[in-house]
Amino acid sequence: MENIKEEFRVKSEEVVEKVKQLIHEGNVRRIIIKDETGKVYLEIPVTIGVIGALIAPMLAAVGAIAAMVAHLKIEVIRNEEPEKKD
């Protein structure tokens, strides 16, 4: 199984909604929130346990970070199934 990295640039007011969307997609392993220079503000491991009890405090932390920084990058690491060969 390989990991695929994606990066999204978002405005501060869009960060919480984008993180919620990514978590609900299901194949995301980790979400990393950075500023434009690459400084990491928050790393969220997305596991079954995180989805349950810890999602609300993490989203509150994301909102607090977004209030401090105008533009952010969200790096997403996804699980990707290896391609099946016929």
N, C-alpha and C. Protein backbone atom coordinates (compact mmCIF):
# COMPACT_ATOMS: atom_id res chain seq x y z
N MET A 1 0.84 -1.17 0.00
CA MET A 1 0.00 0.00 0.00
C MET A 1 0.89 1.24 0.00
N GLU A 2 0.60 2.17 -0.86
CA GLU A 2 1.38 3.40 -0.97
C GLU A 2 0.63 4.56 -0.32
N ASN A 3 1.40 5.59 0.05
CA ASN A 3 0.80 6.82 0.56
C ASN A 3 0.85 7.87 -0.53
N ILE A 4 -0.21 8.58 -0.71
CA ILE A 4 -0.32 9.65 -1.69
C ILE A 4 -0.40 10.97 -0.94
N LYS A 5 0.38 11.97 -1.36
CA LYS A 5 0.33 13.29 -0.73
C LYS A 5 -0.38 14.27 -1.66
N GLU A 6 -1.23 15.09 -1.07
CA GLU A 6 -1.90 16.18 -1.78
C GLU A 6 -1.72 17.42 -0.94
N GLU A 7 -1.77 18.58 -1.59
CA GLU A 7 -1.68 19.83 -0.85
C GLU A 7 -2.74 20.79 -1.36
N PHE A 8 -3.45 21.42 -0.43
CA PHE A 8 -4.48 22.39 -0.75
C PHE A 8 -4.10 23.72 -0.13
N ARG A 9 -4.32 24.80 -0.85
CA ARG A 9 -4.15 26.14 -0.30
C ARG A 9 -5.55 26.68 -0.01
N VAL A 10 -5.74 27.13 1.21
CA VAL A 10 -7.06 27.61 1.62
C VAL A 10 -6.93 28.90 2.41
N LYS A 11 -8.01 29.68 2.37
CA LYS A 11 -8.09 30.88 3.19
C LYS A 11 -8.51 30.47 4.59
N SER A 12 -8.23 31.32 5.55
CA SER A 12 -8.49 30.97 6.95
C SER A 12 -9.95 30.59 7.20
N GLU A 13 -10.88 31.27 6.56
CA GLU A 13 -12.29 30.97 6.81
C GLU A 13 -12.74 29.64 6.21
N GLU A 14 -11.93 29.03 5.35
CA GLU A 14 -12.29 27.77 4.69
C GLU A 14 -11.65 26.55 5.35
N VAL A 15 -10.73 26.76 6.29
CA VAL A 15 -9.92 25.67 6.82
C VAL A 15 -10.76 24.61 7.54
N VAL A 16 -11.62 25.01 8.45
CA VAL A 16 -12.37 24.04 9.24
C VAL A 16 -13.27 23.18 8.34
N GLU A 17 -13.94 23.80 7.40
CA GLU A 17 -14.81 23.03 6.49
C GLU A 17 -14.00 22.06 5.64
N LYS A 18 -12.84 22.48 5.16
CA LYS A 18 -11.99 21.60 4.34
C LYS A 18 -11.51 20.41 5.17
N VAL A 19 -11.10 20.65 6.41
CA VAL A 19 -10.65 19.56 7.28
C VAL A 19 -11.78 18.59 7.54
N LYS A 20 -12.99 19.09 7.82
CA LYS A 20 -14.16 18.21 8.02
C LYS A 20 -14.40 17.35 6.78
N GLN A 21 -14.34 17.98 5.62
CA GLN A 21 -14.56 17.26 4.36
C GLN A 21 -13.52 16.16 4.19
N LEU A 22 -12.26 16.47 4.44
CA LEU A 22 -11.19 15.48 4.27
C LEU A 22 -11.36 14.31 5.23
N ILE A 23 -11.72 14.59 6.47
CA ILE A 23 -11.89 13.52 7.46
C ILE A 23 -13.01 12.57 7.04
N HIS A 24 -14.08 13.11 6.49
CA HIS A 24 -15.22 12.28 6.09
C HIS A 24 -14.97 11.48 4.81
N GLU A 25 -13.91 11.79 4.08
CA GLU A 25 -13.61 11.04 2.86
C GLU A 25 -13.19 9.61 3.16
N GLY A 26 -12.58 9.38 4.32
CA GLY A 26 -12.31 8.02 4.74
C GLY A 26 -10.94 7.46 4.44
N ASN A 27 -10.27 7.85 3.38
CA ASN A 27 -8.97 7.27 3.07
C ASN A 27 -7.80 8.17 3.47
N VAL A 28 -8.07 9.15 4.31
CA VAL A 28 -7.04 10.09 4.76
C VAL A 28 -6.38 9.52 6.01
N ARG A 29 -5.05 9.48 6.02
CA ARG A 29 -4.30 8.98 7.18
C ARG A 29 -3.84 10.11 8.08
N ARG A 30 -3.47 11.24 7.49
CA ARG A 30 -2.89 12.33 8.26
C ARG A 30 -3.20 13.65 7.56
N ILE A 31 -3.50 14.67 8.36
CA ILE A 31 -3.72 16.02 7.85
C ILE A 31 -2.71 16.93 8.54
N ILE A 32 -1.96 17.69 7.75
CA ILE A 32 -0.95 18.58 8.30
C ILE A 32 -1.31 20.00 7.87
N ILE A 33 -1.42 20.90 8.85
CA ILE A 33 -1.77 22.28 8.56
C ILE A 33 -0.52 23.13 8.71
N LYS A 34 -0.18 23.86 7.63
CA LYS A 34 1.05 24.66 7.58
C LYS A 34 0.71 26.08 7.15
N ASP A 35 1.65 27.00 7.39
CA ASP A 35 1.49 28.34 6.82
C ASP A 35 2.16 28.36 5.45
N GLU A 36 2.16 29.52 4.82
CA GLU A 36 2.70 29.62 3.45
C GLU A 36 4.19 29.34 3.38
N THR A 37 4.92 29.51 4.51
CA THR A 37 6.37 29.26 4.51
C THR A 37 6.70 27.81 4.82
N GLY A 38 5.69 27.02 5.16
CA GLY A 38 5.92 25.61 5.46
C GLY A 38 5.99 25.28 6.94
N LYS A 39 5.81 26.27 7.81
CA LYS A 39 5.82 26.03 9.25
C LYS A 39 4.58 25.21 9.62
N VAL A 40 4.79 24.08 10.30
CA VAL A 40 3.70 23.20 10.67
C VAL A 40 3.05 23.71 11.95
N TYR A 41 1.73 23.92 11.90
CA TYR A 41 0.97 24.34 13.07
C TYR A 41 0.28 23.18 13.76
N LEU A 42 -0.19 22.21 12.99
CA LEU A 42 -0.95 21.11 13.57
C LEU A 42 -0.86 19.90 12.66
N GLU A 43 -0.65 18.73 13.27
CA GLU A 43 -0.68 17.46 12.55
C GLU A 43 -1.77 16.62 13.17
N ILE A 44 -2.69 16.16 12.33
CA ILE A 44 -3.82 15.39 12.83
C ILE A 44 -3.74 13.98 12.26
N PRO A 45 -3.48 12.98 13.11
CA PRO A 45 -3.57 11.60 12.62
C PRO A 45 -5.05 11.22 12.54
N VAL A 46 -5.49 10.81 11.39
CA VAL A 46 -6.92 10.49 11.22
C VAL A 46 -7.08 8.98 11.31
N THR A 47 -7.59 8.54 12.45
CA THR A 47 -7.86 7.12 12.67
C THR A 47 -9.30 6.99 13.15
N ILE A 48 -9.75 5.80 13.31
CA ILE A 48 -11.13 5.58 13.77
C ILE A 48 -11.35 6.23 15.13
N GLY A 49 -10.38 6.17 16.03
CA GLY A 49 -10.52 6.79 17.34
C GLY A 49 -10.64 8.30 17.26
N VAL A 50 -9.91 8.92 16.33
CA VAL A 50 -9.96 10.37 16.18
C VAL A 50 -11.33 10.81 15.69
N ILE A 51 -11.91 10.07 14.81
CA ILE A 51 -13.21 10.43 14.26
C ILE A 51 -14.24 10.56 15.38
N GLY A 52 -14.17 9.70 16.38
CA GLY A 52 -15.16 9.72 17.44
C GLY A 52 -14.97 10.85 18.43
N ALA A 53 -14.22 10.59 19.47
CA ALA A 53 -14.16 11.49 20.63
C ALA A 53 -13.32 12.74 20.43
N LEU A 54 -12.32 12.68 19.59
CA LEU A 54 -11.36 13.79 19.52
C LEU A 54 -11.61 14.79 18.40
N ILE A 55 -12.60 14.59 17.58
CA ILE A 55 -12.79 15.46 16.42
C ILE A 55 -13.15 16.89 16.81
N ALA A 56 -14.01 17.09 17.78
CA ALA A 56 -14.43 18.44 18.15
C ALA A 56 -13.28 19.29 18.69
N PRO A 57 -12.47 18.79 19.63
CA PRO A 57 -11.33 19.61 20.08
C PRO A 57 -10.32 19.90 18.97
N MET A 58 -10.12 18.94 18.06
CA MET A 58 -9.19 19.17 16.96
C MET A 58 -9.71 20.25 16.02
N LEU A 59 -11.01 20.23 15.75
CA LEU A 59 -11.59 21.26 14.88
C LEU A 59 -11.53 22.63 15.56
N ALA A 60 -11.66 22.67 16.88
CA ALA A 60 -11.52 23.93 17.61
C ALA A 60 -10.10 24.46 17.48
N ALA A 61 -9.11 23.57 17.56
CA ALA A 61 -7.71 23.96 17.38
C ALA A 61 -7.46 24.47 15.97
N VAL A 62 -8.04 23.81 14.98
CA VAL A 62 -7.91 24.24 13.59
C VAL A 62 -8.50 25.64 13.42
N GLY A 63 -9.65 25.88 14.03
CA GLY A 63 -10.29 27.20 13.96
C GLY A 63 -9.44 28.28 14.60
N ALA A 64 -8.80 27.96 15.72
CA ALA A 64 -7.94 28.92 16.40
C ALA A 64 -6.72 29.27 15.55
N ILE A 65 -6.15 28.27 14.91
CA ILE A 65 -5.00 28.51 14.04
C ILE A 65 -5.43 29.36 12.85
N ALA A 66 -6.57 29.04 12.28
CA ALA A 66 -7.06 29.79 11.12
C ALA A 66 -7.29 31.25 11.46
N ALA A 67 -7.66 31.54 12.69
CA ALA A 67 -7.89 32.93 13.10
C ALA A 67 -6.58 33.72 13.14
N MET A 68 -5.46 33.04 13.32
CA MET A 68 -4.16 33.71 13.42
C MET A 68 -3.47 33.90 12.07
N VAL A 69 -3.77 33.04 11.11
CA VAL A 69 -3.04 33.03 9.84
C VAL A 69 -4.03 33.20 8.69
N ALA A 70 -3.71 34.10 7.76
CA ALA A 70 -4.64 34.40 6.66
C ALA A 70 -4.74 33.28 5.64
N HIS A 71 -3.59 32.76 5.22
CA HIS A 71 -3.57 31.70 4.20
C HIS A 71 -2.82 30.51 4.74
N LEU A 72 -3.39 29.34 4.54
CA LEU A 72 -2.78 28.11 5.05
C LEU A 72 -2.68 27.08 3.94
N LYS A 73 -1.82 26.11 4.16
CA LYS A 73 -1.72 24.94 3.29
C LYS A 73 -2.17 23.75 4.12
N ILE A 74 -2.93 22.89 3.50
CA ILE A 74 -3.32 21.64 4.14
C ILE A 74 -2.69 20.52 3.32
N GLU A 75 -1.78 19.78 3.95
CA GLU A 75 -1.17 18.62 3.30
C GLU A 75 -1.93 17.39 3.77
N VAL A 76 -2.31 16.56 2.82
CA VAL A 76 -3.10 15.37 3.12
C VAL A 76 -2.32 14.15 2.69
N ILE A 77 -2.19 13.18 3.58
CA ILE A 77 -1.56 11.91 3.24
C ILE A 77 -2.67 10.87 3.23
N ARG A 78 -2.84 10.23 2.10
CA ARG A 78 -3.92 9.26 1.90
C ARG A 78 -3.37 7.86 1.72
N ASN A 79 -4.18 6.88 2.08
CA ASN A 79 -3.89 5.49 1.75
C ASN A 79 -4.29 5.27 0.31
N GLU A 80 -3.48 4.62 -0.42
CA GLU A 80 -3.83 4.29 -1.80
C GLU A 80 -3.56 2.82 -2.03
N GLU A 81 -4.54 2.11 -2.46
CA GLU A 81 -4.38 0.71 -2.76
C GLU A 81 -3.48 0.55 -3.97
N PRO A 82 -2.59 -0.41 -3.97
CA PRO A 82 -1.78 -0.63 -5.18
C PRO A 82 -2.67 -1.05 -6.34
N GLU A 83 -2.29 -0.59 -7.53
CA GLU A 83 -3.09 -0.94 -8.70
C GLU A 83 -3.00 -2.43 -8.97
N LYS A 84 -4.14 -3.03 -9.28
CA LYS A 84 -4.16 -4.47 -9.59
C LYS A 84 -3.78 -4.66 -11.04
N LYS A 85 -2.90 -5.62 -11.28
CA LYS A 85 -2.47 -5.93 -12.65
C LYS A 85 -3.21 -7.15 -13.14
N ASP A 86 -3.69 -7.05 -14.36
CA ASP A 86 -4.45 -8.17 -14.95
C ASP A 86 -3.54 -9.24 -15.45
